[in-house]
């Protein structure tokens, strides 16, 4: 009907997680560079998983 009860696909879940990690990395970049770099590494791993789903 309105998509209220529509479940998200695995791809959508990974994309949301990727975007969330990048936002966290950006906000941490001014405070703690090491944690920011860790978030970026996590985001890159999720991007690799997304690329596998697209193939």
PDB file of N, CA and C in Angstrom:
ATOM      1  N   UNK A   1       0.828  -1.178   0.000  1.00  0.00           N
ATOM      2  CA  UNK A   1       0.000   0.000   0.000  1.00  0.00           C
ATOM      3  C   UNK A   1       0.879   1.249   0.000  1.00  0.00           C
ATOM      4  N   UNK A   2       1.472   1.587   1.110  1.00  0.00           N
ATOM      5  CA  UNK A   2       2.346   2.746   1.170  1.00  0.00           C
ATOM      6  C   UNK A   2       3.801   2.366   1.375  1.00  0.00           C
ATOM      7  N   UNK A   3       4.071   1.085   1.401  1.00  0.00           N
ATOM      8  CA  UNK A   3       5.437   0.652   1.634  1.00  0.00           C
ATOM      9  C   UNK A   3       5.820   0.648   3.100  1.00  0.00           C
ATOM     10  N   UNK A   4       4.835   0.771   3.970  1.00  0.00           N
ATOM     11  CA  UNK A   4       5.115   0.821   5.407  1.00  0.00           C
ATOM     12  C   UNK A   4       5.692  -0.503   5.890  1.00  0.00           C
ATOM     13  N   UNK A   5       5.129  -1.578   5.397  1.00  0.00           N
ATOM     14  CA  UNK A   5       5.536  -2.891   5.870  1.00  0.00           C
ATOM     15  C   UNK A   5       6.529  -3.578   4.947  1.00  0.00           C
ATOM     16  N   UNK A   6       7.010  -2.851   3.975  1.00  0.00           N
ATOM     17  CA  UNK A   6       7.984  -3.405   3.041  1.00  0.00           C
ATOM     18  C   UNK A   6       9.324  -3.572   3.747  1.00  0.00           C
ATOM     19  N   UNK A   7       9.873  -4.769   3.661  1.00  0.00           N
ATOM     20  CA  UNK A   7      11.176  -5.015   4.273  1.00  0.00           C
ATOM     21  C   UNK A   7      12.276  -4.509   3.352  1.00  0.00           C
ATOM     22  N   UNK A   8      13.332  -4.036   3.970  1.00  0.00           N
ATOM     23  CA  UNK A   8      14.468  -3.556   3.192  1.00  0.00           C
ATOM     24  C   UNK A   8      15.277  -4.744   2.691  1.00  0.00           C
ATOM     25  N   UNK A   9      15.801  -4.588   1.496  1.00  0.00           N
ATOM     26  CA  UNK A   9      16.660  -5.631   0.940  1.00  0.00           C
ATOM     27  C   UNK A   9      18.035  -5.549   1.590  1.00  0.00           C
ATOM     28  N   UNK A  10      18.820  -6.573   1.385  1.00  0.00           N
ATOM     29  CA  UNK A  10      20.173  -6.600   1.941  1.00  0.00           C
ATOM     30  C   UNK A  10      20.991  -5.436   1.387  1.00  0.00           C
ATOM     31  N   UNK A  11      20.772  -5.122   0.117  1.00  0.00           N
ATOM     32  CA  UNK A  11      21.502  -4.031  -0.519  1.00  0.00           C
ATOM     33  C   UNK A  11      21.154  -2.693   0.149  1.00  0.00           C
ATOM     34  N   UNK A  12      19.877  -2.463   0.405  1.00  0.00           N
ATOM     35  CA  UNK A  12      19.460  -1.220   1.047  1.00  0.00           C
ATOM     36  C   UNK A  12      20.017  -1.103   2.458  1.00  0.00           C
ATOM     37  N   UNK A  13      20.042  -2.209   3.183  1.00  0.00           N
ATOM     38  CA  UNK A  13      20.580  -2.198   4.542  1.00  0.00           C
ATOM     39  C   UNK A  13      22.064  -1.846   4.523  1.00  0.00           C
ATOM     40  N   UNK A  14      22.806  -2.441   3.585  1.00  0.00           N
ATOM     41  CA  UNK A  14      24.241  -2.158   3.496  1.00  0.00           C
ATOM     42  C   UNK A  14      24.491  -0.708   3.096  1.00  0.00           C
ATOM     43  N   UNK A  15      23.671  -0.189   2.184  1.00  0.00           N
ATOM     44  CA  UNK A  15      23.839   1.204   1.767  1.00  0.00           C
ATOM     45  C   UNK A  15      23.598   2.157   2.932  1.00  0.00           C
ATOM     46  N   UNK A  16      22.572   1.878   3.729  1.00  0.00           N
ATOM     47  CA  UNK A  16      22.293   2.724   4.890  1.00  0.00           C
ATOM     48  C   UNK A  16      23.436   2.665   5.901  1.00  0.00           C
ATOM     49  N   UNK A  17      23.967   1.462   6.115  1.00  0.00           N
ATOM     50  CA  UNK A  17      25.074   1.305   7.056  1.00  0.00           C
ATOM     51  C   UNK A  17      26.316   2.031   6.544  1.00  0.00           C
ATOM     52  N   UNK A  18      26.567   1.943   5.241  1.00  0.00           N
ATOM     53  CA  UNK A  18      27.705   2.623   4.615  1.00  0.00           C
ATOM     54  C   UNK A  18      27.600   4.134   4.817  1.00  0.00           C
ATOM     55  N   UNK A  19      26.430   4.689   4.538  1.00  0.00           N
ATOM     56  CA  UNK A  19      26.228   6.124   4.685  1.00  0.00           C
ATOM     57  C   UNK A  19      26.387   6.557   6.144  1.00  0.00           C
ATOM     58  N   UNK A  20      25.880   5.754   7.063  1.00  0.00           N
ATOM     59  CA  UNK A  20      25.988   6.069   8.483  1.00  0.00           C
ATOM     60  C   UNK A  20      27.454   6.100   8.923  1.00  0.00           C
ATOM     61  N   UNK A  21      28.233   5.120   8.458  1.00  0.00           N
ATOM     62  CA  UNK A  21      29.646   5.070   8.828  1.00  0.00           C
ATOM     63  C   UNK A  21      30.407   6.270   8.274  1.00  0.00           C
ATOM     64  N   UNK A  22      30.084   6.679   7.051  1.00  0.00           N
ATOM     65  CA  UNK A  22      30.765   7.836   6.477  1.00  0.00           C
ATOM     66  C   UNK A  22      30.429   9.112   7.244  1.00  0.00           C
ATOM     67  N   UNK A  23      29.178   9.245   7.675  1.00  0.00           N
ATOM     68  CA  UNK A  23      28.798  10.418   8.468  1.00  0.00           C
ATOM     69  C   UNK A  23      29.535  10.426   9.803  1.00  0.00           C
ATOM     70  N   UNK A  24      29.628   9.259  10.437  1.00  0.00           N
ATOM     71  CA  UNK A  24      30.352   9.167  11.706  1.00  0.00           C
ATOM     72  C   UNK A  24      31.826   9.505  11.508  1.00  0.00           C
ATOM     73  N   UNK A  25      32.401   8.995  10.427  1.00  0.00           N
ATOM     74  CA  UNK A  25      33.813   9.268  10.146  1.00  0.00           C
ATOM     75  C   UNK A  25      34.036  10.760   9.950  1.00  0.00           C
ATOM     76  N   UNK A  26      33.121  11.398   9.261  1.00  0.00           N
ATOM     77  CA  UNK A  26      33.263  12.829   9.023  1.00  0.00           C
ATOM     78  C   UNK A  26      33.187  13.624  10.326  1.00  0.00           C
ATOM     79  N   UNK A  27      32.247  13.260  11.180  1.00  0.00           N
ATOM     80  CA  UNK A  27      32.124  13.991  12.441  1.00  0.00           C
ATOM     81  C   UNK A  27      33.304  13.721  13.378  1.00  0.00           C
ATOM     82  N   UNK A  28      33.868  12.517  13.311  1.00  0.00           N
ATOM     83  CA  UNK A  28      35.020  12.185  14.149  1.00  0.00           C
ATOM     84  C   UNK A  28      36.323  12.771  13.621  1.00  0.00           C
ATOM     85  N   UNK A  29      36.356  13.153  12.355  1.00  0.00           N
ATOM     86  CA  UNK A  29      37.605  13.600  11.740  1.00  0.00           C
ATOM     87  C   UNK A  29      38.196  14.827  12.431  1.00  0.00           C
ATOM     88  N   UNK A  30      37.364  15.646  13.027  1.00  0.00           N
ATOM     89  CA  UNK A  30      37.885  16.835  13.705  1.00  0.00           C
ATOM     90  C   UNK A  30      38.283  16.557  15.144  1.00  0.00           C
ATOM     91  N   UNK A  31      37.778  15.449  15.703  1.00  0.00           N
ATOM     92  CA  UNK A  31      38.008  15.148  17.106  1.00  0.00           C
ATOM     93  C   UNK A  31      39.092  14.079  17.278  1.00  0.00           C
ATOM     94  N   UNK A  32      38.911  12.959  16.611  1.00  0.00           N
ATOM     95  CA  UNK A  32      39.818  11.826  16.787  1.00  0.00           C
ATOM     96  C   UNK A  32      40.078  11.173  15.428  1.00  0.00           C
ATOM     97  N   UNK A  33      41.212  11.499  14.863  1.00  0.00           N
ATOM     98  CA  UNK A  33      41.534  11.044  13.512  1.00  0.00           C
ATOM     99  C   UNK A  33      41.636   9.517  13.432  1.00  0.00           C
ATOM    100  N   UNK A  34      42.140   8.879  14.447  1.00  0.00           N
ATOM    101  CA  UNK A  34      42.326   7.426  14.439  1.00  0.00           C
ATOM    102  C   UNK A  34      40.968   6.718  14.364  1.00  0.00           C
ATOM    103  N   UNK A  35      40.012   7.169  15.148  1.00  0.00           N
ATOM    104  CA  UNK A  35      38.672   6.575  15.107  1.00  0.00           C
ATOM    105  C   UNK A  35      38.006   6.845  13.759  1.00  0.00           C
ATOM    106  N   UNK A  36      38.231   8.028  13.224  1.00  0.00           N
ATOM    107  CA  UNK A  36      37.677   8.383  11.924  1.00  0.00           C
ATOM    108  C   UNK A  36      38.213   7.442  10.837  1.00  0.00           C
ATOM    109  N   UNK A  37      39.504   7.183  10.878  1.00  0.00           N
ATOM    110  CA  UNK A  37      40.106   6.265   9.912  1.00  0.00           C
ATOM    111  C   UNK A  37      39.535   4.862  10.057  1.00  0.00           C
ATOM    112  N   UNK A  38      39.266   4.438  11.283  1.00  0.00           N
ATOM    113  CA  UNK A  38      38.676   3.127  11.519  1.00  0.00           C
ATOM    114  C   UNK A  38      37.283   3.022  10.909  1.00  0.00           C
ATOM    115  N   UNK A  39      36.493   4.093  11.024  1.00  0.00           N
ATOM    116  CA  UNK A  39      35.152   4.108  10.438  1.00  0.00           C
ATOM    117  C   UNK A  39      35.221   4.051   8.917  1.00  0.00           C
ATOM    118  N   UNK A  40      36.207   4.711   8.355  1.00  0.00           N
ATOM    119  CA  UNK A  40      36.374   4.697   6.903  1.00  0.00           C
ATOM    120  C   UNK A  40      36.730   3.297   6.426  1.00  0.00           C
ATOM    121  N   UNK A  41      37.573   2.602   7.168  1.00  0.00           N
ATOM    122  CA  UNK A  41      37.941   1.224   6.820  1.00  0.00           C
ATOM    123  C   UNK A  41      36.698   0.329   6.860  1.00  0.00           C
ATOM    124  N   UNK A  42      35.865   0.497   7.898  1.00  0.00           N
ATOM    125  CA  UNK A  42      34.630  -0.282   7.995  1.00  0.00           C
ATOM    126  C   UNK A  42      33.717   0.012   6.804  1.00  0.00           C
ATOM    127  N   UNK A  43      33.617   1.286   6.419  1.00  0.00           N
ATOM    128  CA  UNK A  43      32.778   1.677   5.293  1.00  0.00           C
ATOM    129  C   UNK A  43      33.295   1.058   3.991  1.00  0.00           C
ATOM    130  N   UNK A  44      34.607   0.989   3.838  1.00  0.00           N
ATOM    131  CA  UNK A  44      35.181   0.382   2.630  1.00  0.00           C
ATOM    132  C   UNK A  44      34.854  -1.103   2.555  1.00  0.00           C
ATOM    133  N   UNK A  45      34.847  -1.783   3.691  1.00  0.00           N
ATOM    134  CA  UNK A  45      34.499  -3.201   3.719  1.00  0.00           C
ATOM    135  C   UNK A  45      33.039  -3.399   3.287  1.00  0.00           C
ATOM    136  N   UNK A  46      32.179  -2.516   3.729  1.00  0.00           N
ATOM    137  CA  UNK A  46      30.771  -2.608   3.341  1.00  0.00           C
ATOM    138  C   UNK A  46      30.622  -2.319   1.852  1.00  0.00           C
ATOM    139  N   UNK A  47      31.412  -1.383   1.330  1.00  0.00           N
ATOM    140  CA  UNK A  47      31.357  -1.090  -0.106  1.00  0.00           C
ATOM    141  C   UNK A  47      31.779  -2.309  -0.919  1.00  0.00           C
ATOM    142  N   UNK A  48      32.754  -3.051  -0.437  1.00  0.00           N
ATOM    143  CA  UNK A  48      33.161  -4.281  -1.125  1.00  0.00           C
ATOM    144  C   UNK A  48      32.015  -5.282  -1.154  1.00  0.00           C
ATOM    145  N   UNK A  49      31.270  -5.377  -0.051  1.00  0.00           N
ATOM    146  CA  UNK A  49      30.123  -6.289   0.001  1.00  0.00           C
ATOM    147  C   UNK A  49      29.032  -5.831  -0.978  1.00  0.00           C
ATOM    148  N   UNK A  50      28.827  -4.526  -1.073  1.00  0.00           N
ATOM    149  CA  UNK A  50      27.834  -3.993  -2.017  1.00  0.00           C
ATOM    150  C   UNK A  50      28.230  -4.299  -3.453  1.00  0.00           C
ATOM    151  N   UNK A  51      29.515  -4.181  -3.748  1.00  0.00           N
ATOM    152  CA  UNK A  51      29.981  -4.477  -5.104  1.00  0.00           C
ATOM    153  C   UNK A  51      29.780  -5.949  -5.440  1.00  0.00           C
ATOM    154  N   UNK A  52      29.957  -6.820  -4.465  1.00  0.00           N
ATOM    155  CA  UNK A  52      29.727  -8.250  -4.695  1.00  0.00           C
ATOM    156  C   UNK A  52      28.258  -8.513  -5.000  1.00  0.00           C
ATOM    157  N   UNK A  53      27.349  -7.781  -4.341  1.00  0.00           N
ATOM    158  CA  UNK A  53      25.923  -7.958  -4.577  1.00  0.00           C
ATOM    159  C   UNK A  53      25.524  -7.478  -5.960  1.00  0.00           C
ATOM    160  N   UNK A  54      26.206  -6.450  -6.464  1.00  0.00           N
ATOM    161  CA  UNK A  54      25.877  -5.901  -7.770  1.00  0.00           C
ATOM    162  C   UNK A  54      26.346  -6.779  -8.914  1.00  0.00           C
ATOM    163  N   UNK A  55      27.326  -7.600  -8.680  1.00  0.00           N
ATOM    164  CA  UNK A  55      27.869  -8.451  -9.754  1.00  0.00           C
ATOM    165  C   UNK A  55      27.035  -9.641  -9.989  1.00  0.00           C
TER     166      UNK A  55
END
